[in-house]
C-alpha atoms as a PDB file:
ATOM      1  CA  MET A   1      96.259 121.844  85.614  1.00  0.00           C
ATOM      2  CA  ARG A   2      93.994 119.096  86.898  1.00  0.00           C
ATOM      3  CA  GLY A   3      91.507 121.749  88.051  1.00  0.00           C
ATOM      4  CA  LEU A   4      91.545 123.402  84.640  1.00  0.00           C
ATOM      5  CA  LEU A   5      90.740 120.102  82.949  1.00  0.00           C
ATOM      6  CA  LYS A   6      87.931 119.462  85.406  1.00  0.00           C
ATOM      7  CA  TYR A   7      86.529 122.939  84.723  1.00  0.00           C
ATOM      8  CA  SER A   8      86.567 122.451  80.950  1.00  0.00           C
ATOM      9  CA  ARG A   9      84.571 119.226  81.051  1.00  0.00           C
ATOM     10  CA  LYS A  10      80.838 119.262  80.501  1.00  0.00           C
ATOM     11  CA  SER A  11      79.208 118.917  83.896  1.00  0.00           C
ATOM     12  CA  ASP A  12      76.024 117.236  84.867  1.00  0.00           C
ATOM     13  CA  GLU A  13      73.209 119.143  86.494  1.00  0.00           C
ATOM     14  CA  THR A  14      73.316 117.406  89.881  1.00  0.00           C
ATOM     15  CA  PHE A  15      73.164 119.382  93.077  1.00  0.00           C
ATOM     16  CA  GLU A  16      75.073 118.201  96.104  1.00  0.00           C
ATOM     17  CA  ALA A  17      76.227 119.416  99.503  1.00  0.00           C
ATOM     18  CA  LEU A  18      79.373 121.486  98.944  1.00  0.00           C
ATOM     19  CA  ASP A  19      81.923 123.141 101.177  1.00  0.00           C
ATOM     20  CA  LEU A  20      82.143 126.795 100.079  1.00  0.00           C
ATOM     21  CA  LYS A  21      85.877 126.943 100.852  1.00  0.00           C
ATOM     22  CA  ALA A  22      86.484 123.915  98.603  1.00  0.00           C
ATOM     23  CA  VAL A  23      84.529 125.574  95.773  1.00  0.00           C
ATOM     24  CA  LEU A  24      86.625 128.737  96.103  1.00  0.00           C
ATOM     25  CA  ASP A  25      89.913 126.832  96.416  1.00  0.00           C
ATOM     26  CA  ASN A  26      89.102 124.834  93.255  1.00  0.00           C
ATOM     27  CA  THR A  27      88.215 128.037  91.442  1.00  0.00           C
ATOM     28  CA  LEU A  28      91.483 129.736  92.444  1.00  0.00           C
ATOM     29  CA  GLU A  29      93.377 126.690  91.219  1.00  0.00           C
ATOM     30  CA  MET A  30      91.824 127.243  87.785  1.00  0.00           C
ATOM     31  CA  VAL A  31      91.828 131.041  87.636  1.00  0.00           C
ATOM     32  CA  GLN A  32      95.555 131.253  88.388  1.00  0.00           C
ATOM     33  CA  TYR A  33      96.221 130.430  84.725  1.00  0.00           C
ATOM     34  CA  LYS A  34      94.454 133.642  83.653  1.00  0.00           C
ATOM     35  CA  VAL A  35      94.799 136.019  86.605  1.00  0.00           C
ATOM     36  CA  LYS A  36      97.977 137.047  88.429  1.00  0.00           C
ATOM     37  CA  LEU A  37      96.911 136.037  91.916  1.00  0.00           C
ATOM     38  CA  SER A  38     100.125 137.515  93.309  1.00  0.00           C
ATOM     39  CA  GLU A  39      98.679 140.961  92.526  1.00  0.00           C
ATOM     40  CA  LEU A  40      95.580 140.400  94.672  1.00  0.00           C
ATOM     41  CA  ASP A  41      94.742 140.015  98.324  1.00  0.00           C
ATOM     42  CA  ILE A  42      91.981 137.427  98.588  1.00  0.00           C
ATOM     43  CA  ARG A  43      90.256 136.825 101.904  1.00  0.00           C
ATOM     44  CA  TYR A  44      87.426 134.516 102.945  1.00  0.00           C
ATOM     45  CA  HIS A  45      85.221 135.358 105.914  1.00  0.00           C
ATOM     46  CA  PHE A  46      82.606 132.723 106.540  1.00  0.00           C
ATOM     47  CA  GLY A  47      83.559 130.890 109.672  1.00  0.00           C
ATOM     48  CA  ASN A  48      81.702 127.713 110.411  1.00  0.00           C
ATOM     49  CA  ILE A  49      78.807 127.773 107.955  1.00  0.00           C
ATOM     50  CA  PRO A  50      77.182 124.516 106.874  1.00  0.00           C
ATOM     51  CA  LYS A  51      77.655 123.045 103.424  1.00  0.00           C
ATOM     52  CA  ILE A  52      75.683 124.656 100.629  1.00  0.00           C
ATOM     53  CA  LYS A  53      73.566 122.792  98.126  1.00  0.00           C
ATOM     54  CA  GLY A  54      74.666 123.450  94.560  1.00  0.00           C
ATOM     55  CA  ASN A  55      76.379 122.297  91.397  1.00  0.00           C
ATOM     56  CA  MET A  56      80.170 122.388  91.753  1.00  0.00           C
ATOM     57  CA  ALA A  57      80.919 123.203  88.094  1.00  0.00           C
ATOM     58  CA  GLN A  58      78.324 125.969  87.911  1.00  0.00           C
ATOM     59  CA  LEU A  59      79.509 127.585  91.145  1.00  0.00           C
ATOM     60  CA  GLU A  60      83.129 127.374  90.009  1.00  0.00           C
ATOM     61  CA  GLU A  61      82.147 129.119  86.776  1.00  0.00           C
ATOM     62  CA  VAL A  62      80.392 131.906  88.698  1.00  0.00           C
ATOM     63  CA  PHE A  63      83.383 132.480  90.976  1.00  0.00           C
ATOM     64  CA  PHE A  64      85.832 132.178  88.053  1.00  0.00           C
ATOM     65  CA  ASN A  65      84.011 135.009  86.283  1.00  0.00           C
ATOM     66  CA  PHE A  66      83.903 137.001  89.513  1.00  0.00           C
ATOM     67  CA  PHE A  67      87.688 136.739  90.024  1.00  0.00           C
ATOM     68  CA  ASP A  68      88.395 137.399  86.347  1.00  0.00           C
ATOM     69  CA  ASN A  69      86.200 140.524  86.237  1.00  0.00           C
ATOM     70  CA  ALA A  70      87.619 141.830  89.506  1.00  0.00           C
ATOM     71  CA  TYR A  71      91.147 141.389  88.184  1.00  0.00           C
ATOM     72  CA  ASP A  72      90.280 143.222  84.949  1.00  0.00           C
ATOM     73  CA  SER A  73      88.959 146.132  87.030  1.00  0.00           C
ATOM     74  CA  ILE A  74      92.124 146.224  89.111  1.00  0.00           C
ATOM     75  CA  VAL A  75      94.328 146.267  86.011  1.00  0.00           C
ATOM     76  CA  GLU A  76      92.160 149.014  84.507  1.00  0.00           C
ATOM     77  CA  ARG A  77      92.485 151.100  87.644  1.00  0.00           C
ATOM     78  CA  ARG A  78      96.261 150.780  87.473  1.00  0.00           C
ATOM     79  CA  THR A  79      96.516 151.679  83.802  1.00  0.00           C
ATOM     80  CA  THR A  80      93.709 154.198  83.276  1.00  0.00           C
ATOM     81  CA  LEU A  81      93.947 156.032  86.576  1.00  0.00           C
ATOM     82  CA  LYS A  82      97.731 155.581  86.790  1.00  0.00           C
ATOM     83  CA  GLU A  83      97.438 154.220  90.326  1.00  0.00           C
ATOM     84  CA  ASP A  84     100.449 151.948  90.109  1.00  0.00           C
ATOM     85  CA  PRO A  85     101.150 150.105  92.375  1.00  0.00           C
ATOM     86  CA  TYR A  86      97.451 149.722  93.241  1.00  0.00           C
ATOM     87  CA  ARG A  87      96.813 146.353  94.871  1.00  0.00           C
ATOM     88  CA  GLY A  88      93.384 144.801  94.587  1.00  0.00           C
ATOM     89  CA  LYS A  89      91.555 143.195  97.464  1.00  0.00           C
ATOM     90  CA  ILE A  90      88.732 140.697  97.148  1.00  0.00           C
ATOM     91  CA  VAL A  91      86.783 139.721 100.246  1.00  0.00           C
ATOM     92  CA  ILE A  92      84.229 136.920 100.087  1.00  0.00           C
ATOM     93  CA  SER A  93      81.995 136.606 103.108  1.00  0.00           C
ATOM     94  CA  ALA A  94      79.001 134.497 104.002  1.00  0.00           C
ATOM     95  CA  LYS A  95      77.042 133.944 107.146  1.00  0.00           C
ATOM     96  CA  LEU A  96      74.230 131.742 108.229  1.00  0.00           C
ATOM     97  CA  LYS A  97      70.923 133.570 108.282  1.00  0.00           C
ATOM     98  CA  ILE A  98      68.542 132.259 110.888  1.00  0.00           C
ATOM     99  CA  ALA A  99      64.942 132.384 109.694  1.00  0.00           C
ATOM    100  CA  SER A 100      62.647 134.238 112.054  1.00  0.00           C
END
């Protein structure tokens, strides 16, 4: 619930160094009140990437919407296409791109 309260507060516009896994973990803490996470397989693939520069609240909002929309699509596939018990899978990956 603490994460949900943090999400609902008005955020400032500061950018800071953020751990992507922490952003995603915070988002999942909040989205669990709207999405049945037990019906999804969620995987992260980003190894040892450096911190990203961004705004925590804005990134959480982006990923919240991503998880929410993905879940809606999974539910739709189950109901419209009658693919029960279809299980959704979300994979989030990132890698460091070396400039050439």
